[in-house]
Amino acid sequence: MNFTQLLPSPSDIQCALVSTLSTYLSRRKVSNTIIRPQEDFDIDPITGFLPPEALPRLPAEYQIWEEALSEAPEVLRLSNDMSDAALALREEGETWRMEIRSRPTLEVNLLKDNPRLLQRAHVVLTWLVQYYVHSLPSPHPPTPKRIPASLAVPLVNVSRMLGIAPILTFADTITWNWELIRPDQPATIDNMKLAHNFSGTDDERHFYQVQAAVELHGTQVLRIIDDFYRIPNLDDLTSVFKVVKDLTRLTAVIEEISELIQSMRSACDPHVFYWDIRPWEGGSDSKGPSHPGWIYEGVDPSAPELQYLSGPSGGQSVVMHALDLFLDIDHKLQTRRHPGPSVENKRADRGFMERMRRYMLGKHRAYLEQIENSPRSIRELAQHTAVLREPYNNAVKALKSLRTLHMRIACLYVINMSKTANPRSVCPVAVMMERQANTMEARGRDEKRDPIRGTGGTDLVTLLKAGRDATARAVLEK
């Protein structure tokens, strides 16, 4: 990088001086902000939202959970997998599920004072739930899936202690799902490997690894955000030019994250993702509101936690939420911006991003609330400080480009693949029939406007377009 490019031009200095003086005369003082340190929110200065060390295994009292998880990938396959290898495992799979149903419901109070063990318990229990549900034979017509109390009750209790949804989340598949290759070396993406993998494929490993790399790279975003809120005064030139420099760096970091996301295509085949990985991750409402959901046996059906059973989503990345809040991206359409939202934007699920916070660790959600509730706004500062307008807009445009890339990835891995046949159908004739059925379904979907859904049951295309357009509307007019 040519650091001379970060230096302001004489005209920029003049604009900044005029803007600063105008701010002072009109008493547009940006209030000083007292913020809690990121460590208070379980954010590590090196690994960010990832724990600084791999999670420990559960103590002896809970070894039946750990053992069941170790055995699951050896004996379980997706219920619609009709390959010879999968059919040969059906009896062993049913034995595994019977053992889960017959096991005692364990208390989790022994874990309550150890956050890392609670996180590990959440990982183990949620993966067990997904293995259990998605290996169950699928009746016709569909009926609700019943989660045995031996899994449901401790999972809900652990989730309450952590302040996170009682379902497989982004944290369980990405943030907490890793081990060190060389335990004596620091936690870097090159020194990490997946702890758990539904499909046993390298494609799934790469899929998770890319997302973990994004989260690790996001620690730079967190430092920039923290620096902004810790600047004592924003009404002097030194502070203004620091913000210029940090926004320029933020733009570069967002572009680097886009490059990481683009690398998904190098080693994760869309067919493998759609047919071998994605089905394992579906939650209770992943097939839409008309499809029967899940019943958590032994748990009060009115428990508020049971509203949040959508499964993992990139929308649960705390880094991306922090970026949105810092740059003041209005996903809820609460402020008037140009251009106005389209009819399709207005149809989108405006509460999606806020709802996704319920799938985050409680402390991470509290961190986002601190940003959201801060009286200091980078967008407002840029509105009233001419020299900040361009670097702020560049950061927003980089985020819009990232979301455009995300849409292309979703099109390749989900939308296009939804029109293909399951490669694990019984025979070539069945493959042909399924392909025809999928084609007819796609045509019917176009006619009836029945949406392709994300893992959380959302209208995927409409949601992604709305997120991209909301980001574009944050750009300030010059």
Protein backbone atom coordinates (compact mmCIF):
# COMPACT_ATOMS: atom_id res chain seq x y z
CA MET A 1 0.00 0.00 0.00
CA ASN A 2 1.27 3.52 -0.83
CA PHE A 3 0.88 5.24 2.53
CA THR A 4 1.25 8.68 0.90
CA GLN A 5 -2.23 8.10 -0.46
CA LEU A 6 -3.53 8.26 3.09
CA LEU A 7 -2.22 11.82 3.52
CA PRO A 8 -4.84 14.50 2.93
CA SER A 9 -4.49 16.95 0.06
CA PRO A 10 -4.35 20.72 0.76
CA SER A 11 -7.95 21.05 -0.39
CA ASP A 12 -8.99 18.26 1.97
CA ILE A 13 -7.23 20.02 4.84
CA GLN A 14 -9.07 23.22 4.01
CA CYS A 15 -12.40 21.40 3.89
CA ALA A 16 -11.67 19.73 7.21
CA LEU A 17 -10.78 23.05 8.84
CA VAL A 18 -13.95 24.68 7.59
CA SER A 19 -16.02 21.69 8.65
CA THR A 20 -14.44 21.57 12.10
CA LEU A 21 -15.00 25.28 12.64
CA SER A 22 -18.59 24.98 11.44
CA THR A 23 -19.14 22.07 13.79
CA TYR A 24 -17.79 24.07 16.69
CA LEU A 25 -19.82 27.19 15.92
CA SER A 26 -23.04 25.25 15.52
CA ARG A 27 -22.26 23.25 18.68
CA ARG A 28 -22.41 19.98 16.77
CA LYS A 29 -20.12 18.39 19.30
CA VAL A 30 -20.07 14.61 19.03
CA SER A 31 -20.43 13.35 22.55
CA ASN A 32 -17.58 11.46 24.13
CA THR A 33 -18.48 7.83 24.50
CA ILE A 34 -17.68 5.65 27.46
CA ILE A 35 -17.50 2.08 26.25
CA ARG A 36 -16.71 -1.15 27.97
CA PRO A 37 -13.59 -2.99 26.79
CA GLN A 38 -14.12 -5.75 24.24
CA GLU A 39 -12.77 -8.31 26.71
CA ASP A 40 -15.97 -7.78 28.73
CA PHE A 41 -17.87 -9.29 25.80
CA ASP A 42 -15.73 -12.43 25.41
CA ILE A 43 -13.84 -10.88 22.49
CA ASP A 44 -10.18 -11.83 22.26
CA PRO A 45 -7.74 -9.20 20.92
CA ILE A 46 -6.13 -11.79 18.61
CA THR A 47 -8.91 -14.22 17.66
CA GLY A 48 -11.90 -11.87 18.01
CA PHE A 49 -15.15 -13.79 18.39
CA LEU A 50 -13.34 -17.13 18.24
CA PRO A 51 -12.12 -18.40 21.62
CA PRO A 52 -8.35 -17.96 22.06
CA GLU A 53 -7.96 -21.71 22.51
CA ALA A 54 -9.83 -24.76 21.23
CA LEU A 55 -12.72 -25.76 23.47
CA PRO A 56 -11.93 -28.54 25.97
CA ARG A 57 -13.78 -31.85 25.87
CA LEU A 58 -16.56 -32.33 28.42
CA PRO A 59 -15.80 -33.95 31.79
CA ALA A 60 -16.47 -37.62 32.54
CA GLU A 61 -20.06 -36.99 33.68
CA TYR A 62 -20.97 -36.06 30.11
CA GLN A 63 -18.87 -38.56 28.18
CA ILE A 64 -21.99 -40.30 26.84
CA TRP A 65 -22.61 -37.14 24.77
CA GLU A 66 -19.05 -36.99 23.48
CA GLU A 67 -19.08 -40.71 22.63
CA ALA A 68 -22.40 -40.41 20.78
CA LEU A 69 -21.02 -37.55 18.71
CA SER A 70 -17.87 -39.50 17.85
CA GLU A 71 -19.98 -42.46 16.71
CA ALA A 72 -22.60 -40.49 14.74
CA PRO A 73 -20.69 -39.89 11.48
CA GLU A 74 -19.76 -43.57 11.35
CA VAL A 75 -23.32 -44.92 11.50
CA LEU A 76 -25.66 -42.15 10.30
CA ARG A 77 -26.56 -40.91 6.83
CA LEU A 78 -29.19 -38.48 5.59
CA SER A 79 -32.66 -40.02 5.54
CA ASN A 80 -33.04 -39.48 1.78
CA ASP A 81 -29.68 -41.09 0.98
CA MET A 82 -30.59 -44.29 -0.87
CA SER A 83 -27.08 -45.31 -1.83
CA ASP A 84 -26.01 -48.87 -1.04
CA ALA A 85 -23.55 -47.62 1.58
CA ALA A 86 -26.27 -45.62 3.36
CA LEU A 87 -28.81 -48.45 3.25
CA ALA A 88 -26.25 -50.82 4.77
CA LEU A 89 -26.02 -48.51 7.80
CA ARG A 90 -29.77 -48.16 8.44
CA GLU A 91 -29.89 -50.73 11.25
CA GLU A 92 -26.86 -49.27 13.03
CA GLY A 93 -28.35 -45.81 12.67
CA GLU A 94 -31.60 -46.87 14.31
CA THR A 95 -29.64 -48.47 17.15
CA TRP A 96 -27.81 -45.17 17.67
CA ARG A 97 -31.09 -43.24 17.81
CA MET A 98 -32.65 -45.79 20.20
CA GLU A 99 -29.71 -45.35 22.56
CA ILE A 100 -30.16 -41.57 22.44
CA ARG A 101 -33.85 -41.94 23.29
CA SER A 102 -33.15 -44.30 26.20
CA ARG A 103 -30.43 -42.24 27.85
CA PRO A 104 -31.01 -40.24 31.05
CA THR A 105 -31.58 -36.50 31.01
CA LEU A 106 -28.42 -35.07 32.55
CA GLU A 107 -28.25 -31.98 34.73
CA VAL A 108 -25.89 -29.27 33.46
CA ASN A 109 -25.27 -27.34 36.69
CA LEU A 110 -21.74 -28.76 36.88
CA LEU A 111 -20.90 -26.68 33.79
CA LYS A 112 -22.48 -23.37 34.76
CA ASP A 113 -19.29 -21.72 36.05
CA ASN A 114 -17.17 -22.65 33.04
CA PRO A 115 -18.19 -20.75 29.86
CA ARG A 116 -15.91 -22.83 27.62
CA LEU A 117 -17.43 -26.11 28.82
CA LEU A 118 -20.90 -24.65 28.31
CA GLN A 119 -19.93 -23.75 24.75
CA ARG A 120 -18.60 -27.25 24.19
CA ALA A 121 -21.83 -28.73 25.57
CA HIS A 122 -23.80 -26.56 23.14
CA VAL A 123 -21.67 -27.77 20.23
CA VAL A 124 -22.03 -31.43 21.18
CA LEU A 125 -25.77 -31.33 21.89
CA THR A 126 -26.69 -29.33 18.79
CA TRP A 127 -24.68 -31.60 16.51
CA LEU A 128 -26.36 -34.61 18.12
CA VAL A 129 -29.78 -33.05 17.49
CA GLN A 130 -28.98 -32.46 13.81
CA TYR A 131 -27.64 -35.99 13.38
CA TYR A 132 -30.73 -37.39 15.09
CA VAL A 133 -33.33 -35.38 13.15
CA HIS A 134 -31.85 -35.58 9.67
CA SER A 135 -31.14 -39.31 9.80
CA LEU A 136 -34.73 -40.13 10.85
CA PRO A 137 -36.84 -41.81 8.15
CA SER A 138 -39.14 -39.21 6.59
CA PRO A 139 -42.83 -40.20 6.74
CA HIS A 140 -45.37 -39.13 4.13
CA PRO A 141 -47.11 -36.87 4.79
CA PRO A 142 -44.47 -35.16 6.98
CA THR A 143 -44.99 -35.10 10.74
CA PRO A 144 -43.22 -33.05 13.43
CA LYS A 145 -39.76 -34.29 14.41
CA ARG A 146 -39.52 -35.15 18.10
CA ILE A 147 -36.22 -34.37 19.85
CA PRO A 148 -35.71 -36.77 22.79
CA ALA A 149 -35.66 -35.19 26.26
CA SER A 150 -32.14 -36.58 26.78
CA LEU A 151 -30.98 -34.00 24.22
CA ALA A 152 -33.68 -31.33 24.32
CA VAL A 153 -33.73 -30.56 28.05
CA PRO A 154 -29.98 -30.14 28.64
CA LEU A 155 -29.64 -28.24 25.36
CA VAL A 156 -32.27 -25.69 26.38
CA ASN A 157 -30.69 -25.34 29.84
CA VAL A 158 -27.18 -24.86 28.42
CA SER A 159 -28.53 -22.37 25.89
CA ARG A 160 -30.17 -20.31 28.62
CA MET A 161 -26.87 -20.08 30.48
CA LEU A 162 -25.07 -18.91 27.34
CA GLY A 163 -27.87 -16.67 26.08
CA ILE A 164 -27.99 -18.42 22.70
CA ALA A 165 -30.66 -20.28 20.72
CA PRO A 166 -31.08 -24.04 21.45
CA ILE A 167 -30.24 -25.09 17.89
CA LEU A 168 -27.18 -25.53 15.70
CA THR A 169 -25.81 -22.03 15.04
CA PHE A 170 -22.97 -20.30 13.21
CA ALA A 171 -21.02 -20.53 16.49
CA ASP A 172 -21.41 -24.33 16.62
CA THR A 173 -20.29 -24.86 13.02
CA ILE A 174 -17.64 -22.12 12.76
CA THR A 175 -16.70 -20.14 15.86
CA TRP A 176 -16.36 -23.07 18.28
CA ASN A 177 -15.85 -25.92 15.82
CA TRP A 178 -12.07 -26.13 15.54
CA GLU A 179 -8.95 -27.69 17.00
CA LEU A 180 -5.29 -26.78 16.71
CA ILE A 181 -3.12 -28.80 14.35
CA ARG A 182 -0.03 -27.91 16.40
CA PRO A 183 -1.18 -27.27 19.99
CA ASP A 184 2.06 -25.47 20.86
CA GLN A 185 1.45 -22.86 18.13
CA PRO A 186 -0.98 -19.89 18.19
CA ALA A 187 -4.53 -19.98 16.84
CA THR A 188 -4.21 -18.98 13.18
CA ILE A 189 -6.25 -20.19 10.24
CA ASP A 190 -3.30 -22.26 8.98
CA ASN A 191 -3.06 -23.98 12.36
CA MET A 192 -6.75 -24.87 12.66
CA LYS A 193 -8.72 -27.93 11.59
CA LEU A 194 -12.40 -28.76 11.86
CA ALA A 195 -13.48 -30.64 14.95
CA HIS A 196 -16.75 -31.91 13.39
CA ASN A 197 -17.95 -32.48 9.84
CA PHE A 198 -21.37 -33.86 8.84
CA SER A 199 -20.51 -35.13 5.37
CA GLY A 200 -16.91 -36.20 5.93
CA THR A 201 -15.93 -34.31 2.78
CA ASP A 202 -13.07 -31.91 2.13
CA ASP A 203 -15.69 -29.61 0.62
CA GLU A 204 -17.35 -29.17 4.00
CA ARG A 205 -14.00 -28.60 5.66
CA HIS A 206 -13.22 -25.86 3.16
CA PHE A 207 -16.71 -24.36 3.53
CA TYR A 208 -16.25 -23.94 7.29
CA GLN A 209 -12.57 -22.99 7.01
CA VAL A 210 -13.31 -20.03 4.76
CA GLN A 211 -15.89 -18.71 7.19
CA ALA A 212 -13.51 -19.14 10.13
CA ALA A 213 -10.89 -17.19 8.15
CA VAL A 214 -13.41 -14.38 7.66
CA GLU A 215 -14.09 -14.24 11.39
CA LEU A 216 -10.37 -14.15 12.20
CA HIS A 217 -9.78 -11.44 9.61
CA GLY A 218 -12.66 -9.56 11.19
CA THR A 219 -10.58 -8.86 14.28
CA GLN A 220 -9.15 -5.92 12.30
CA VAL A 221 -12.67 -4.57 11.91
CA LEU A 222 -13.16 -4.79 15.67
CA ARG A 223 -9.96 -2.85 16.35
CA ILE A 224 -11.02 -0.07 13.97
CA ILE A 225 -14.44 0.12 15.63
CA ASP A 226 -12.90 0.16 19.10
CA ASP A 227 -10.45 2.90 18.13
CA PHE A 228 -13.26 5.09 16.82
CA TYR A 229 -15.25 4.91 20.02
CA ARG A 230 -12.16 5.57 22.13
CA ILE A 231 -11.08 8.79 20.40
CA PRO A 232 -11.44 11.41 23.18
CA ASN A 233 -12.59 14.22 20.87
CA LEU A 234 -13.71 14.20 17.28
CA ASP A 235 -13.56 17.97 16.79
CA ASP A 236 -9.84 18.31 16.07
CA LEU A 237 -7.91 17.69 12.86
CA THR A 238 -5.70 14.96 14.29
CA SER A 239 -8.72 12.88 15.24
CA VAL A 240 -10.47 13.52 11.92
CA PHE A 241 -7.45 12.37 9.94
CA LYS A 242 -7.13 9.26 12.09
CA VAL A 243 -10.72 8.42 11.17
CA VAL A 244 -9.87 8.98 7.49
CA LYS A 245 -6.98 6.55 7.81
CA ASP A 246 -9.07 3.97 9.67
CA LEU A 247 -11.94 4.13 7.18
CA THR A 248 -9.45 3.63 4.36
CA ARG A 249 -8.07 0.60 6.16
CA LEU A 250 -11.61 -0.67 6.82
CA THR A 251 -12.34 -0.55 3.09
CA ALA A 252 -9.26 -2.68 2.43
CA VAL A 253 -10.25 -5.19 5.12
CA ILE A 254 -13.76 -5.56 3.66
CA GLU A 255 -12.24 -6.14 0.22
CA GLU A 256 -9.94 -8.78 1.70
CA ILE A 257 -12.94 -10.49 3.30
CA SER A 258 -14.59 -10.54 -0.13
CA GLU A 259 -11.52 -12.28 -1.53
CA LEU A 260 -11.78 -14.90 1.21
CA ILE A 261 -15.45 -15.49 0.39
CA GLN A 262 -14.58 -15.79 -3.30
CA SER A 263 -12.09 -18.54 -2.39
CA MET A 264 -15.07 -20.71 -1.38
CA ARG A 265 -15.38 -21.78 -5.01
CA SER A 266 -11.87 -23.22 -5.18
CA ALA A 267 -12.54 -26.31 -3.05
CA CYS A 268 -16.26 -26.55 -2.24
CA ASP A 269 -18.28 -28.13 -5.04
CA PRO A 270 -21.84 -26.71 -5.31
CA HIS A 271 -23.36 -30.19 -5.73
CA VAL A 272 -21.61 -31.47 -2.61
CA PHE A 273 -22.67 -28.39 -0.66
CA TYR A 274 -26.32 -28.55 -1.69
CA TRP A 275 -26.88 -32.29 -1.43
CA ASP A 276 -24.36 -33.50 1.19
CA ILE A 277 -23.75 -30.55 3.55
CA ARG A 278 -26.73 -28.20 3.54
CA PRO A 279 -29.42 -30.80 4.42
CA TRP A 280 -27.71 -31.57 7.74
CA GLU A 281 -27.92 -27.93 8.82
CA GLY A 282 -31.64 -27.33 8.37
CA GLY A 283 -33.57 -26.18 11.42
CA SER A 284 -37.16 -26.55 12.54
CA ASP A 285 -38.46 -23.93 10.09
CA SER A 286 -35.99 -24.45 7.25
CA LYS A 287 -38.72 -25.68 4.88
CA GLY A 288 -41.05 -22.79 5.55
CA PRO A 289 -44.00 -22.08 7.84
CA SER A 290 -46.30 -24.68 6.27
CA HIS A 291 -43.96 -27.58 7.06
CA PRO A 292 -44.18 -29.37 10.44
CA GLY A 293 -41.44 -28.27 12.81
CA TRP A 294 -39.69 -29.92 15.72
CA ILE A 295 -40.93 -30.80 19.21
CA TYR A 296 -38.47 -30.57 22.11
CA GLU A 297 -39.69 -33.29 24.46
CA GLY A 298 -39.56 -32.39 28.15
CA VAL A 299 -39.46 -28.65 27.40
CA ASP A 300 -42.41 -26.31 27.91
CA PRO A 301 -43.74 -25.66 24.36
CA SER A 302 -44.26 -22.00 25.29
CA ALA A 303 -40.61 -21.51 26.29
CA PRO A 304 -39.40 -18.33 24.53
CA GLU A 305 -36.20 -20.06 23.36
CA LEU A 306 -38.23 -22.35 21.11
CA GLN A 307 -39.06 -19.40 18.86
CA TYR A 308 -35.48 -19.53 17.57
CA LEU A 309 -34.87 -22.87 15.88
CA SER A 310 -33.81 -21.82 12.38
CA GLY A 311 -30.34 -23.35 12.23
CA PRO A 312 -27.00 -21.80 11.20
CA SER A 313 -26.72 -18.90 8.78
CA GLY A 314 -24.05 -16.48 7.60
CA GLY A 315 -26.46 -13.87 8.94
CA GLN A 316 -25.31 -14.93 12.42
CA SER A 317 -21.73 -13.71 11.85
CA VAL A 318 -21.05 -11.17 14.61
CA VAL A 319 -18.37 -9.52 12.47
CA MET A 320 -20.88 -8.72 9.74
CA HIS A 321 -23.38 -7.37 12.26
CA ALA A 322 -20.69 -5.18 13.81
CA LEU A 323 -19.84 -3.79 10.37
CA ASP A 324 -23.50 -3.03 9.65
CA LEU A 325 -24.03 -1.25 12.95
CA PHE A 326 -20.79 0.71 12.72
CA LEU A 327 -21.53 1.93 9.18
CA ASP A 328 -25.22 2.48 10.05
CA ILE A 329 -26.78 0.14 7.49
CA ASP A 330 -30.55 0.40 7.87
CA HIS A 331 -31.95 -3.09 7.26
CA LYS A 332 -35.25 -2.22 8.96
CA LEU A 333 -35.98 0.70 6.60
CA GLN A 334 -36.42 3.01 9.59
CA THR A 335 -34.79 6.10 8.05
CA ARG A 336 -35.51 7.91 4.79
CA ARG A 337 -32.62 7.43 2.41
CA HIS A 338 -32.03 7.69 -1.32
CA PRO A 339 -32.99 5.82 -3.39
CA GLY A 340 -36.09 4.62 -1.63
CA PRO A 341 -36.64 0.88 -1.11
CA SER A 342 -38.18 -1.08 -3.96
CA VAL A 343 -41.44 -2.99 -3.64
CA GLU A 344 -39.38 -6.19 -3.37
CA ASN A 345 -37.21 -4.62 -0.63
CA LYS A 346 -40.35 -3.86 1.35
CA ARG A 347 -41.46 -7.49 1.07
CA ALA A 348 -38.22 -8.74 2.62
CA ASP A 349 -37.99 -9.91 6.21
CA ARG A 350 -36.92 -6.62 7.83
CA GLY A 351 -36.44 -8.22 11.21
CA PHE A 352 -34.09 -10.94 9.94
CA MET A 353 -30.81 -9.38 11.06
CA GLU A 354 -32.11 -8.52 14.52
CA ARG A 355 -33.60 -12.00 14.89
CA MET A 356 -30.26 -13.54 13.94
CA ARG A 357 -28.74 -11.95 17.06
CA ARG A 358 -30.69 -14.48 19.12
CA TYR A 359 -28.45 -17.16 17.59
CA MET A 360 -25.32 -15.49 18.97
CA LEU A 361 -23.61 -15.87 22.31
CA GLY A 362 -25.31 -13.51 24.78
CA LYS A 363 -22.10 -11.55 25.40
CA HIS A 364 -21.55 -11.04 21.69
CA ARG A 365 -25.12 -9.81 21.33
CA ALA A 366 -24.45 -7.35 24.17
CA TYR A 367 -21.40 -6.07 22.28
CA LEU A 368 -23.57 -5.31 19.25
CA GLU A 369 -26.05 -3.53 21.48
CA GLN A 370 -23.23 -1.33 22.79
CA ILE A 371 -22.41 -0.24 19.23
CA GLU A 372 -26.08 0.22 18.39
CA ASN A 373 -26.76 2.36 21.46
CA SER A 374 -23.67 4.54 21.18
CA PRO A 375 -24.46 8.25 20.67
CA ARG A 376 -21.42 8.46 18.40
CA SER A 377 -22.18 7.71 14.73
CA ILE A 378 -19.54 7.41 12.00
CA ARG A 379 -22.16 8.14 9.34
CA GLU A 380 -23.38 11.32 11.03
CA LEU A 381 -19.79 12.45 11.52
CA ALA A 382 -19.09 11.86 7.82
CA GLN A 383 -22.24 13.79 6.88
CA HIS A 384 -20.94 16.88 8.67
CA THR A 385 -17.23 16.45 7.91
CA ALA A 386 -16.47 16.75 4.20
CA VAL A 387 -13.09 15.05 4.35
CA LEU A 388 -14.70 11.90 5.80
CA ARG A 389 -17.41 11.55 3.21
CA GLU A 390 -15.40 9.79 0.51
CA PRO A 391 -13.60 7.28 2.79
CA TYR A 392 -16.91 6.48 4.51
CA ASN A 393 -18.63 5.97 1.15
CA ASN A 394 -15.77 3.77 -0.04
CA ALA A 395 -16.22 1.49 2.98
CA VAL A 396 -19.97 1.26 2.35
CA LYS A 397 -19.41 0.53 -1.34
CA ALA A 398 -16.95 -2.23 -0.45
CA LEU A 399 -19.59 -3.76 1.83
CA LYS A 400 -22.17 -3.51 -0.96
CA SER A 401 -19.75 -5.31 -3.30
CA LEU A 402 -19.31 -8.03 -0.67
CA ARG A 403 -23.07 -8.51 -0.53
CA THR A 404 -23.28 -8.65 -4.31
CA LEU A 405 -20.63 -11.38 -4.23
CA HIS A 406 -22.63 -13.20 -1.55
CA MET A 407 -25.65 -13.14 -3.86
CA ARG A 408 -23.62 -14.71 -6.67
CA ILE A 409 -22.34 -17.41 -4.31
CA ALA A 410 -25.90 -18.11 -3.12
CA CYS A 411 -27.07 -18.34 -6.72
CA LEU A 412 -24.33 -20.83 -7.58
CA TYR A 413 -24.61 -22.98 -4.45
CA VAL A 414 -28.33 -22.88 -3.68
CA ILE A 415 -30.55 -21.46 -6.41
CA ASN A 416 -28.93 -23.25 -9.33
CA MET A 417 -28.51 -26.47 -7.35
CA SER A 418 -32.19 -26.50 -6.35
CA LYS A 419 -32.94 -27.40 -9.98
CA THR A 420 -30.69 -30.48 -9.98
CA ALA A 421 -31.39 -34.07 -8.95
CA ASN A 422 -30.15 -35.71 -5.78
CA PRO A 423 -27.15 -37.82 -6.86
CA ARG A 424 -27.98 -40.38 -4.16
CA SER A 425 -31.32 -41.43 -5.57
CA VAL A 426 -31.95 -45.15 -5.96
CA CYS A 427 -31.31 -45.61 -9.68
CA PRO A 428 -30.78 -43.71 -12.96
CA VAL A 429 -34.52 -43.75 -13.69
CA ALA A 430 -35.22 -42.22 -10.27
CA VAL A 431 -32.55 -39.59 -10.92
CA MET A 432 -34.24 -38.68 -14.21
CA MET A 433 -37.67 -38.51 -12.56
CA GLU A 434 -36.37 -36.36 -9.73
CA ARG A 435 -34.72 -34.00 -12.20
CA GLN A 436 -38.04 -33.67 -14.03
CA ALA A 437 -39.87 -33.11 -10.75
CA ASN A 438 -37.40 -30.42 -9.72
CA THR A 439 -37.81 -28.70 -13.08
CA MET A 440 -41.60 -28.75 -12.70
CA GLU A 441 -41.29 -27.51 -9.13
CA ALA A 442 -39.05 -24.66 -10.27
CA ARG A 443 -41.62 -23.68 -12.91
CA GLY A 444 -44.39 -23.87 -10.35
CA ARG A 445 -42.33 -21.78 -7.96
CA ASP A 446 -41.97 -19.11 -10.63
CA GLU A 447 -45.72 -19.13 -11.23
CA LYS A 448 -46.76 -19.19 -7.58
CA ARG A 449 -43.82 -17.10 -6.35
CA ASP A 450 -42.98 -19.77 -3.79
CA PRO A 451 -39.50 -18.69 -2.65
CA ILE A 452 -36.27 -20.64 -2.47
CA ARG A 453 -35.47 -20.65 1.22
CA GLY A 454 -32.23 -20.25 3.14
CA THR A 455 -31.31 -22.62 5.97
CA GLY A 456 -33.33 -20.39 8.29
CA GLY A 457 -36.52 -20.71 6.24
CA THR A 458 -36.24 -17.19 4.77
CA ASP A 459 -36.97 -16.09 1.20
CA LEU A 460 -33.32 -16.23 0.17
CA VAL A 461 -33.27 -14.10 -2.98
CA THR A 462 -35.48 -11.32 -1.64
CA LEU A 463 -33.52 -11.19 1.61
CA LEU A 464 -30.10 -10.96 -0.05
CA LYS A 465 -31.26 -8.28 -2.48
CA ALA A 466 -32.74 -6.27 0.38
CA GLY A 467 -29.46 -6.48 2.32
CA ARG A 468 -27.46 -5.31 -0.69
CA ASP A 469 -29.85 -2.43 -1.41
CA ALA A 470 -29.97 -1.33 2.24
CA THR A 471 -26.19 -1.14 2.16
CA ALA A 472 -26.20 0.94 -1.03
CA ARG A 473 -28.63 3.43 0.54
CA ALA A 474 -26.11 4.26 3.28
CA VAL A 475 -23.85 6.02 0.73
CA LEU A 476 -23.78 9.77 1.43
CA GLU A 477 -24.49 12.27 -1.31
CA LYS A 478 -21.53 14.53 -2.02
